[in-house]
Amino acid sequence: EMCIRDRYMGLNGWDTAERKRNEAIVNGALPFGALLGSYGLSFFLKHGRRNLMIATDIILLILCPLAYSPDIIFHIVSRFAIGIYSGANCVLVPLYLSEVSPRTIRGKTGMLSIVLLNVGLLCSCCAGFLSPKEVAVDVYENLDSNWWRYVVLFPMIAALTRALGLATCFNFETPTFLLRNGERERALQNLEKIYPKPGEAEQELEALEQAQGSRKLTTIAELLSPRQRPFLFLGIGLAVFSQFTGVNVITFYSNRLMKAQSSSLDARSQAIVFTSLIGTLRCFVIFLSAFVIDRIGRRCLLSVGSIFMGFSLCLIIIFNANQMILLARIAILLYQSCFNFSWGGVPFLMIAELLNDRGISIASLFSWISTLTVVSTAPYIAESSIGVNGLFGIYATLCAVAFAFSQFLLPETKGLSKTEIQALFDKKPVEPAVDEGIQTTTPLGDKLLADKP
């Protein structure tokens, strides 16, 4: 993206002020599109999860080639389309996988999708690492380089592959969607593919039918109802803390740390290598967590991860204050490992377990808002009087808040159906004790009745 963006800035001969303004517009087009895509998708979910994934792939294939145009307006539209695609799929993919996965391996399936997401991020790092050296040094002096044209093809190839796969090999709609639209027989047929044991599909279908009455939400007012409000609160909390634990700040700082010594090509290459190392470690750690999440539970992973992330941030502060660059890099790797083992993937899985389709859209919306908040405020905080170490101190404190949230407010959803998760928040009615017209459900009332002759 930097090669593409700088190419437009250089070709149009803008001055510094124009460059900064237009660069802000280009950079903001993607997250703004993601905001609209994540929430706006909830109004189209009646058309099916699979169909919508194919539709987003087609939209990307149509609009992404606009990046090849010499007019920056078309490039902004292309970035906006990629944002819509990213935001929509932040809702669609977890929702689809949650509804087609057997409950016993739902955590593993959800985490493996996060692994593949990070494999894509690692590929983007490798694309930068494989770029021609003259482009990596100064793109303004090499505006005729064709490397960026090949990079633009990557998302188009991915979208085309998935669209073809969903249209042919994976022609499978979720049982939850089919049941919601009155197609009970098709829902049972698909459930029999997921649960092959005799009678198991029928039991799951009954559980889904019970859940439909309590979880089919169509308005914001229903999401804010007393019965559903806890789910929305927890989903938003998971989305916010997945960003407010500072992962984007650490990623940005790791690049600065590697480039701090010099602006030479060697320092830039070291930065790319270090970022690629983080990406490789990220994929390995999330892959490892996929095989333990259904054993030790979601809440345990989040709580332990919060503790070690806060500890890692404290180490980064100490090492950075004492100019121990190598140890600071090791602490960054420790933080990235802890984050990706816990808050890097578990929140998206739990959001799909706790919320319905519109609730997932709202949680995803807050996730993107949190991302924008973090990346837009971090540079100003780092340049303020408290500096970079103060910035890390803020996020270390937020890690402690995230621990309290996951340990004391978040329920464990391992192996539970939608109905069983709903029951975690349903208040059990208490049979009142009645004596001479006095009704009590409190210890004080019990004591008063016990003292009566």
Protein backbone atom coordinates (compact mmCIF):
# COMPACT_ATOMS: atom_id res chain seq x y z
CA GLU A 1 0.00 0.00 0.00
CA MET A 2 2.84 2.40 0.71
CA CYS A 3 4.24 1.85 -2.79
CA ILE A 4 0.82 2.63 -4.28
CA ARG A 5 0.15 5.60 -2.01
CA ASP A 6 3.57 7.18 -2.52
CA ARG A 7 3.28 6.70 -6.25
CA TYR A 8 0.18 8.89 -6.35
CA MET A 9 1.76 11.47 -4.05
CA GLY A 10 4.84 11.68 -6.23
CA LEU A 11 3.12 11.70 -9.63
CA ASN A 12 0.79 14.56 -8.78
CA GLY A 13 3.55 16.85 -7.53
CA TRP A 14 1.76 17.85 -4.33
CA ASP A 15 3.44 19.96 -1.72
CA THR A 16 3.88 18.81 1.85
CA ALA A 17 0.50 20.08 3.07
CA GLU A 18 -1.38 18.49 0.18
CA ARG A 19 0.49 15.24 0.63
CA LYS A 20 -0.42 15.02 4.30
CA ARG A 21 -4.07 15.84 3.65
CA ASN A 22 -4.45 13.37 0.80
CA GLU A 23 -2.48 10.71 2.63
CA ALA A 24 -4.87 11.06 5.58
CA ILE A 25 -7.81 10.60 3.21
CA VAL A 26 -6.21 7.53 1.62
CA ASN A 27 -5.37 6.02 4.99
CA GLY A 28 -8.82 6.73 6.40
CA ALA A 29 -10.70 5.27 3.44
CA LEU A 30 -10.09 1.67 4.51
CA PRO A 31 -11.11 1.87 8.20
CA PHE A 32 -14.09 4.07 7.31
CA GLY A 33 -15.21 1.46 4.80
CA ALA A 34 -14.71 -1.21 7.45
CA LEU A 35 -16.95 0.70 9.87
CA LEU A 36 -19.74 0.82 7.30
CA GLY A 37 -19.20 -2.76 6.19
CA SER A 38 -19.27 -4.25 9.68
CA TYR A 39 -22.51 -2.60 10.78
CA GLY A 40 -24.26 -2.18 7.43
CA LEU A 41 -23.96 -5.90 6.80
CA SER A 42 -26.54 -6.62 9.52
CA PHE A 43 -29.28 -5.26 7.25
CA PHE A 44 -28.48 -7.81 4.52
CA LEU A 45 -28.02 -10.99 6.56
CA LYS A 46 -31.48 -12.14 5.56
CA HIS A 47 -29.93 -13.09 2.21
CA GLY A 48 -27.71 -15.78 3.76
CA ARG A 49 -24.16 -15.95 5.08
CA ARG A 50 -22.73 -17.85 2.12
CA ASN A 51 -24.41 -15.63 -0.48
CA LEU A 52 -23.14 -12.50 1.21
CA MET A 53 -19.56 -13.80 1.28
CA ILE A 54 -19.76 -14.42 -2.46
CA ALA A 55 -21.27 -10.95 -2.97
CA THR A 56 -18.45 -9.24 -1.06
CA ASP A 57 -15.90 -11.18 -3.10
CA ILE A 58 -17.51 -9.97 -6.33
CA ILE A 59 -17.58 -6.35 -5.11
CA LEU A 60 -13.87 -6.53 -4.30
CA LEU A 61 -13.06 -8.05 -7.69
CA ILE A 62 -14.91 -5.21 -9.42
CA LEU A 63 -13.60 -2.25 -7.41
CA CYS A 64 -10.09 -3.32 -6.38
CA PRO A 65 -8.66 -2.90 -9.95
CA LEU A 66 -9.49 0.81 -9.69
CA ALA A 67 -6.19 1.10 -7.81
CA TYR A 68 -4.44 0.81 -11.19
CA SER A 69 -5.95 4.11 -12.32
CA PRO A 70 -3.64 7.18 -12.31
CA ASP A 71 -6.42 9.20 -10.63
CA ILE A 72 -6.17 9.12 -6.83
CA ILE A 73 -9.97 9.32 -6.50
CA PHE A 74 -10.22 5.82 -7.95
CA HIS A 75 -7.52 4.65 -5.55
CA ILE A 76 -9.53 6.00 -2.62
CA VAL A 77 -12.61 4.16 -3.91
CA SER A 78 -10.52 0.99 -4.15
CA ARG A 79 -9.31 1.39 -0.58
CA PHE A 80 -12.87 2.07 0.56
CA ALA A 81 -14.02 -1.16 -1.14
CA ILE A 82 -11.28 -3.14 0.60
CA GLY A 83 -12.46 -1.62 3.89
CA ILE A 84 -16.06 -2.67 3.28
CA TYR A 85 -14.82 -6.14 2.39
CA SER A 86 -12.72 -6.38 5.56
CA GLY A 87 -15.44 -5.06 7.87
CA ALA A 88 -18.15 -7.28 6.39
CA ASN A 89 -16.02 -10.40 6.65
CA CYS A 90 -15.14 -9.63 10.26
CA VAL A 91 -18.82 -10.38 10.85
CA LEU A 92 -19.54 -13.02 8.22
CA VAL A 93 -16.63 -15.41 8.73
CA PRO A 94 -16.91 -15.86 12.55
CA LEU A 95 -20.71 -16.08 12.25
CA TYR A 96 -20.59 -18.68 9.48
CA LEU A 97 -17.98 -20.84 11.21
CA SER A 98 -19.79 -20.64 14.54
CA GLU A 99 -23.03 -21.86 12.95
CA VAL A 100 -21.56 -24.75 10.93
CA SER A 101 -19.08 -26.09 13.50
CA PRO A 102 -19.92 -28.87 15.99
CA ARG A 103 -19.95 -27.41 19.47
CA THR A 104 -17.16 -29.74 20.64
CA ILE A 105 -14.67 -28.27 18.15
CA ARG A 106 -16.20 -24.83 17.67
CA GLY A 107 -13.30 -23.17 19.47
CA LYS A 108 -10.70 -24.99 17.40
CA THR A 109 -12.46 -24.13 14.14
CA GLY A 110 -12.76 -20.47 15.05
CA MET A 111 -9.12 -20.21 16.09
CA LEU A 112 -7.89 -21.94 12.94
CA SER A 113 -9.64 -19.24 10.91
CA ILE A 114 -7.66 -16.65 12.88
CA VAL A 115 -4.50 -18.62 12.05
CA LEU A 116 -5.26 -18.34 8.35
CA LEU A 117 -5.96 -14.61 8.78
CA ASN A 118 -2.51 -14.15 10.28
CA VAL A 119 -0.97 -16.24 7.52
CA GLY A 120 -2.37 -13.62 5.16
CA LEU A 121 -0.79 -10.86 7.26
CA LEU A 122 2.51 -12.73 7.15
CA CYS A 123 2.26 -12.95 3.37
CA SER A 124 1.85 -9.17 3.22
CA CYS A 125 5.05 -8.80 5.25
CA CYS A 126 6.81 -11.15 2.87
CA ALA A 127 5.52 -9.10 -0.06
CA GLY A 128 7.29 -6.07 1.39
CA PHE A 129 10.41 -8.11 2.07
CA LEU A 130 10.50 -9.37 -1.53
CA SER A 131 10.02 -5.93 -3.04
CA PRO A 132 12.92 -4.60 -5.12
CA LYS A 133 15.58 -2.91 -3.03
CA GLU A 134 15.35 0.34 -4.95
CA VAL A 135 11.61 0.51 -4.21
CA ALA A 136 12.18 -0.20 -0.52
CA VAL A 137 14.75 2.61 -0.26
CA ASP A 138 12.96 5.44 -2.03
CA VAL A 139 9.79 4.89 -3.97
CA TYR A 140 9.72 8.48 -5.19
CA GLU A 141 12.80 7.88 -7.32
CA ASN A 142 11.39 4.68 -8.81
CA LEU A 143 7.82 5.54 -9.76
CA ASP A 144 7.93 3.19 -12.74
CA SER A 145 8.39 0.08 -10.61
CA ASN A 146 5.72 -2.53 -11.29
CA TRP A 147 6.04 -4.31 -7.95
CA TRP A 148 3.00 -2.59 -6.44
CA ARG A 149 0.88 -3.83 -9.35
CA TYR A 150 1.61 -7.43 -8.36
CA VAL A 151 0.81 -6.68 -4.71
CA VAL A 152 -2.66 -5.42 -5.69
CA LEU A 153 -3.36 -8.80 -7.27
CA PHE A 154 -3.07 -10.64 -3.92
CA PRO A 155 -6.49 -9.66 -2.45
CA MET A 156 -8.11 -10.18 -5.85
CA ILE A 157 -6.73 -13.73 -6.09
CA ALA A 158 -7.93 -14.49 -2.55
CA ALA A 159 -11.43 -13.16 -3.25
CA LEU A 160 -11.70 -15.07 -6.52
CA THR A 161 -10.56 -18.32 -4.87
CA ARG A 162 -13.10 -18.05 -2.07
CA ALA A 163 -15.97 -17.09 -4.38
CA LEU A 164 -15.31 -20.10 -6.60
CA GLY A 165 -14.96 -22.39 -3.59
CA LEU A 166 -18.23 -21.26 -2.01
CA ALA A 167 -20.06 -21.51 -5.33
CA THR A 168 -18.86 -25.06 -6.07
CA CYS A 169 -17.22 -27.17 -3.36
CA PHE A 170 -18.67 -25.52 -0.22
CA ASN A 171 -22.26 -24.97 -1.33
CA PHE A 172 -23.48 -25.09 2.27
CA GLU A 173 -25.74 -22.63 4.11
CA THR A 174 -25.86 -22.62 7.90
CA PRO A 175 -28.65 -24.54 9.70
CA THR A 176 -29.37 -21.49 11.88
CA PHE A 177 -30.11 -19.31 8.86
CA LEU A 178 -32.22 -22.00 7.18
CA LEU A 179 -34.26 -22.58 10.33
CA ARG A 180 -34.80 -18.85 10.77
CA ASN A 181 -36.21 -18.71 7.23
CA GLY A 182 -38.57 -21.65 7.74
CA GLU A 183 -36.52 -24.29 5.88
CA ARG A 184 -36.58 -26.90 8.63
CA GLU A 185 -35.92 -29.92 6.40
CA ARG A 186 -32.85 -28.36 4.78
CA ALA A 187 -31.62 -27.32 8.20
CA LEU A 188 -31.94 -30.91 9.42
CA GLN A 189 -30.11 -32.22 6.35
CA ASN A 190 -27.21 -29.85 6.94
CA LEU A 191 -27.15 -30.71 10.63
CA GLU A 192 -26.85 -34.38 9.76
CA LYS A 193 -23.68 -33.54 7.85
CA ILE A 194 -22.30 -31.76 10.92
CA TYR A 195 -23.53 -34.33 13.47
CA PRO A 196 -23.38 -37.76 11.77
CA LYS A 197 -24.30 -39.80 14.87
CA PRO A 198 -27.93 -41.06 14.93
CA GLY A 199 -30.27 -38.75 16.79
CA GLU A 200 -27.63 -36.08 17.43
CA ALA A 201 -28.78 -33.85 14.57
CA GLU A 202 -32.39 -33.97 15.83
CA GLN A 203 -31.29 -32.92 19.31
CA GLU A 204 -29.28 -30.02 17.94
CA LEU A 205 -32.24 -28.98 15.79
CA GLU A 206 -34.48 -28.86 18.86
CA ALA A 207 -31.88 -26.77 20.67
CA LEU A 208 -31.71 -24.36 17.73
CA GLU A 209 -35.49 -24.07 17.63
CA GLN A 210 -35.52 -23.18 21.33
CA ALA A 211 -32.79 -20.63 20.76
CA GLN A 212 -34.56 -19.01 17.82
CA GLY A 213 -37.32 -17.67 19.99
CA SER A 214 -34.93 -16.05 22.42
CA ARG A 215 -32.10 -14.91 20.16
CA LYS A 216 -33.72 -13.75 16.93
CA LEU A 217 -33.18 -10.04 17.40
CA THR A 218 -34.23 -7.54 14.79
CA THR A 219 -33.96 -4.14 16.44
CA ILE A 220 -31.53 -2.21 18.59
CA ALA A 221 -34.26 -1.90 21.24
CA GLU A 222 -34.40 -5.68 21.56
CA LEU A 223 -30.61 -5.86 21.86
CA LEU A 224 -30.84 -3.37 24.73
CA SER A 225 -33.61 -5.31 26.49
CA PRO A 226 -32.77 -6.53 30.02
CA ARG A 227 -32.44 -10.13 28.86
CA GLN A 228 -30.07 -9.42 25.97
CA ARG A 229 -28.18 -6.43 27.34
CA PRO A 230 -25.52 -8.56 29.11
CA PHE A 231 -24.63 -10.28 25.84
CA LEU A 232 -24.23 -6.97 24.02
CA PHE A 233 -22.14 -5.54 26.87
CA LEU A 234 -19.82 -8.53 26.90
CA GLY A 235 -19.49 -8.60 23.11
CA ILE A 236 -18.57 -4.92 22.97
CA GLY A 237 -16.17 -5.38 25.87
CA LEU A 238 -14.40 -8.22 24.09
CA ALA A 239 -14.14 -6.16 20.89
CA VAL A 240 -12.82 -3.07 22.68
CA PHE A 241 -10.25 -4.83 24.85
CA SER A 242 -8.92 -6.78 21.87
CA GLN A 243 -7.66 -3.39 20.63
CA PHE A 244 -7.20 -1.44 23.88
CA THR A 245 -4.58 -3.90 25.10
CA GLY A 246 -2.18 -2.10 22.74
CA VAL A 247 -1.34 -4.58 20.00
CA ASN A 248 -1.37 -1.98 17.19
CA VAL A 249 0.83 0.35 19.22
CA ILE A 250 3.33 -2.45 19.88
CA THR A 251 3.38 -3.40 16.22
CA PHE A 252 4.07 0.20 15.22
CA TYR A 253 6.73 0.59 17.93
CA SER A 254 8.51 -2.60 16.89
CA ASN A 255 9.13 -1.08 13.45
CA ARG A 256 10.39 2.16 14.99
CA LEU A 257 12.65 0.21 17.34
CA MET A 258 14.28 -1.60 14.44
CA LYS A 259 14.75 1.62 12.44
CA ALA A 260 15.98 3.67 15.36
CA GLN A 261 19.66 3.03 14.68
CA SER A 262 19.73 4.11 11.04
CA SER A 263 17.61 4.97 8.03
CA SER A 264 19.71 2.85 5.72
CA LEU A 265 18.43 -0.03 3.63
CA ASP A 266 19.98 -2.44 6.12
CA ALA A 267 17.92 -1.00 8.97
CA ARG A 268 14.77 -1.12 6.84
CA SER A 269 15.46 -4.74 5.94
CA GLN A 270 15.96 -5.55 9.62
CA ALA A 271 12.60 -3.98 10.38
CA ILE A 272 10.90 -6.13 7.75
CA VAL A 273 12.66 -9.26 9.01
CA PHE A 274 11.65 -8.53 12.60
CA THR A 275 8.05 -7.85 11.58
CA SER A 276 8.04 -11.09 9.57
CA LEU A 277 9.39 -12.91 12.62
CA ILE A 278 6.52 -11.50 14.68
CA GLY A 279 4.09 -12.65 11.98
CA THR A 280 5.52 -16.17 11.96
CA LEU A 281 5.42 -16.35 15.75
CA ARG A 282 1.84 -15.04 15.69
CA CYS A 283 0.71 -17.84 13.37
CA PHE A 284 2.43 -20.50 15.48
CA VAL A 285 1.00 -19.26 18.79
CA ILE A 286 -2.57 -18.96 17.49
CA PHE A 287 -2.26 -22.42 15.93
CA LEU A 288 -1.17 -23.73 19.34
CA SER A 289 -4.06 -22.01 21.13
CA ALA A 290 -6.52 -23.63 18.71
CA PHE A 291 -5.70 -27.02 20.21
CA VAL A 292 -6.05 -25.98 23.85
CA ILE A 293 -8.99 -23.58 23.80
CA ASP A 294 -11.59 -26.38 23.96
CA ARG A 295 -9.71 -27.97 26.85
CA ILE A 296 -8.86 -25.13 29.21
CA GLY A 297 -11.61 -22.71 28.16
CA ARG A 298 -11.93 -19.23 26.73
CA ARG A 299 -11.97 -17.25 29.97
CA CYS A 300 -8.79 -18.86 31.27
CA LEU A 301 -6.90 -17.98 28.08
CA LEU A 302 -8.03 -14.35 28.25
CA SER A 303 -7.25 -13.95 31.95
CA VAL A 304 -3.78 -15.48 31.77
CA GLY A 305 -3.02 -13.63 28.55
CA SER A 306 -3.95 -10.28 30.15
CA ILE A 307 -1.55 -10.89 33.05
CA PHE A 308 1.43 -11.75 30.86
CA MET A 309 0.67 -8.97 28.36
CA GLY A 310 0.75 -6.40 31.16
CA PHE A 311 3.96 -7.95 32.48
CA SER A 312 5.52 -7.78 29.00
CA LEU A 313 4.59 -4.12 28.62
CA CYS A 314 6.25 -3.35 31.95
CA LEU A 315 9.40 -5.10 30.72
CA ILE A 316 9.33 -3.06 27.50
CA ILE A 317 9.11 0.14 29.56
CA ILE A 318 12.08 -0.87 31.72
CA PHE A 319 14.28 -2.02 28.84
CA ASN A 320 13.41 0.96 26.66
CA ALA A 321 14.16 3.41 29.48
CA ASN A 322 17.60 1.85 29.91
CA GLN A 323 18.31 1.61 26.15
CA MET A 324 18.42 -2.20 26.25
CA ILE A 325 17.26 -2.58 22.66
CA LEU A 326 17.81 -6.33 22.35
CA LEU A 327 15.90 -7.10 25.55
CA ALA A 328 13.14 -4.73 24.46
CA ARG A 329 12.80 -6.70 21.22
CA ILE A 330 12.54 -9.94 23.21
CA ALA A 331 9.87 -8.38 25.42
CA ILE A 332 7.95 -7.34 22.29
CA LEU A 333 8.05 -10.94 21.06
CA LEU A 334 6.79 -12.09 24.47
CA TYR A 335 3.93 -9.59 24.32
CA GLN A 336 2.97 -10.62 20.79
CA SER A 337 2.99 -14.29 21.82
CA CYS A 338 0.76 -13.65 24.83
CA PHE A 339 -1.62 -11.45 22.85
CA ASN A 340 -2.08 -13.90 20.00
CA PHE A 341 -2.47 -16.82 22.41
CA SER A 342 -5.40 -15.03 24.06
CA TRP A 343 -6.83 -11.68 22.94
CA GLY A 344 -5.68 -12.10 19.35
CA GLY A 345 -8.34 -14.65 18.43
CA VAL A 346 -10.51 -15.69 21.38
CA PRO A 347 -12.66 -12.51 21.45
CA PHE A 348 -13.87 -13.01 17.87
CA LEU A 349 -14.81 -16.59 18.68
CA MET A 350 -16.68 -15.64 21.86
CA ILE A 351 -18.50 -12.75 20.17
CA ALA A 352 -19.93 -15.22 17.65
CA GLU A 353 -20.96 -17.50 20.54
CA LEU A 354 -22.55 -14.80 22.68
CA LEU A 355 -24.32 -12.66 20.08
CA ASN A 356 -26.60 -13.07 17.12
CA ASP A 357 -25.94 -11.61 13.69
CA ARG A 358 -26.82 -7.96 14.40
CA GLY A 359 -25.06 -8.10 17.76
CA ILE A 360 -21.91 -9.33 16.04
CA SER A 361 -22.13 -6.39 13.63
CA ILE A 362 -22.32 -3.91 16.51
CA ALA A 363 -19.39 -5.56 18.31
CA SER A 364 -17.36 -5.48 15.09
CA LEU A 365 -18.25 -1.80 14.69
CA PHE A 366 -16.85 -1.07 18.16
CA SER A 367 -13.73 -3.07 17.30
CA TRP A 368 -13.02 -0.83 14.31
CA ILE A 369 -13.82 2.30 16.32
CA SER A 370 -11.36 1.12 18.97
CA THR A 371 -8.73 0.48 16.30
CA LEU A 372 -9.17 3.99 14.93
CA THR A 373 -8.98 5.43 18.44
CA VAL A 374 -5.77 3.60 19.27
CA VAL A 375 -3.88 4.31 16.05
CA SER A 376 -4.98 7.98 15.93
CA THR A 377 -4.17 8.84 19.56
CA ALA A 378 -0.97 6.83 20.04
CA PRO A 379 1.36 9.16 18.07
CA TYR A 380 0.13 12.21 19.99
CA ILE A 381 0.49 10.50 23.36
CA ALA A 382 3.98 9.25 22.46
CA GLU A 383 5.05 12.79 21.52
CA SER A 384 3.55 14.31 24.66
CA SER A 385 5.29 14.82 27.99
CA ILE A 386 4.72 11.22 29.12
CA GLY A 387 6.48 9.82 26.03
CA VAL A 388 6.49 6.29 24.64
CA ASN A 389 7.01 4.69 28.04
CA GLY A 390 3.98 6.52 29.40
CA LEU A 391 2.00 5.26 26.41
CA PHE A 392 2.98 1.68 27.24
CA GLY A 393 2.09 2.32 30.87
CA ILE A 394 -1.45 3.27 29.83
CA TYR A 395 -1.89 0.02 27.92
CA ALA A 396 -0.35 -2.01 30.77
CA THR A 397 -3.06 -0.55 33.00
CA LEU A 398 -5.70 -1.44 30.42
CA CYS A 399 -4.38 -5.01 30.44
CA ALA A 400 -5.16 -5.11 34.18
CA VAL A 401 -8.69 -3.87 33.44
CA ALA A 402 -9.00 -6.53 30.73
CA PHE A 403 -8.01 -9.18 33.29
CA ALA A 404 -10.75 -8.01 35.67
CA PHE A 405 -13.27 -8.00 32.82
CA SER A 406 -12.44 -11.54 31.67
CA GLN A 407 -12.05 -13.02 35.14
CA PHE A 408 -15.07 -11.54 36.91
CA LEU A 409 -17.60 -10.60 34.22
CA LEU A 410 -17.08 -13.01 31.34
CA PRO A 411 -18.82 -16.42 31.45
CA GLU A 412 -17.23 -19.61 30.18
CA THR A 413 -18.86 -20.72 26.90
CA LYS A 414 -16.78 -23.82 26.19
CA GLY A 415 -18.94 -26.58 24.74
CA LEU A 416 -22.23 -24.76 25.35
CA SER A 417 -25.08 -24.38 22.89
CA LYS A 418 -26.81 -21.05 22.26
CA THR A 419 -29.64 -22.03 24.61
CA GLU A 420 -27.21 -23.03 27.37
CA ILE A 421 -25.31 -19.77 26.98
CA GLN A 422 -28.58 -17.83 27.24
CA ALA A 423 -29.41 -19.75 30.43
CA LEU A 424 -26.23 -18.41 32.07
CA PHE A 425 -27.91 -14.99 32.34
CA ASP A 426 -31.47 -16.08 32.98
CA LYS A 427 -32.36 -15.38 36.59
CA LYS A 428 -33.87 -18.41 38.25
CA PRO A 429 -37.19 -17.59 39.96
CA VAL A 430 -37.03 -17.86 43.73
CA GLU A 431 -39.96 -19.47 45.48
CA PRO A 432 -40.91 -16.98 48.19
CA ALA A 433 -41.49 -18.12 51.72
CA VAL A 434 -44.86 -16.88 52.97
CA ASP A 435 -45.92 -16.66 56.60
CA GLU A 436 -48.95 -14.69 57.77
CA GLY A 437 -48.85 -12.52 54.68
CA ILE A 438 -45.13 -11.69 55.05
CA GLN A 439 -43.10 -12.47 51.89
CA THR A 440 -39.30 -12.73 52.01
CA THR A 441 -36.52 -13.60 49.63
CA THR A 442 -33.68 -11.97 51.58
CA PRO A 443 -31.53 -13.08 54.55
CA LEU A 444 -32.91 -10.22 56.64
CA GLY A 445 -36.48 -11.36 56.05
CA ASP A 446 -35.53 -14.95 56.88
CA LYS A 447 -34.02 -13.80 60.16
CA LEU A 448 -37.15 -11.83 61.07
CA LEU A 449 -39.34 -14.84 60.40
CA ALA A 450 -37.02 -17.11 62.36
CA ASP A 451 -37.28 -14.82 65.40
CA LYS A 452 -41.05 -14.90 65.41
CA PRO A 453 -42.67 -17.13 68.07
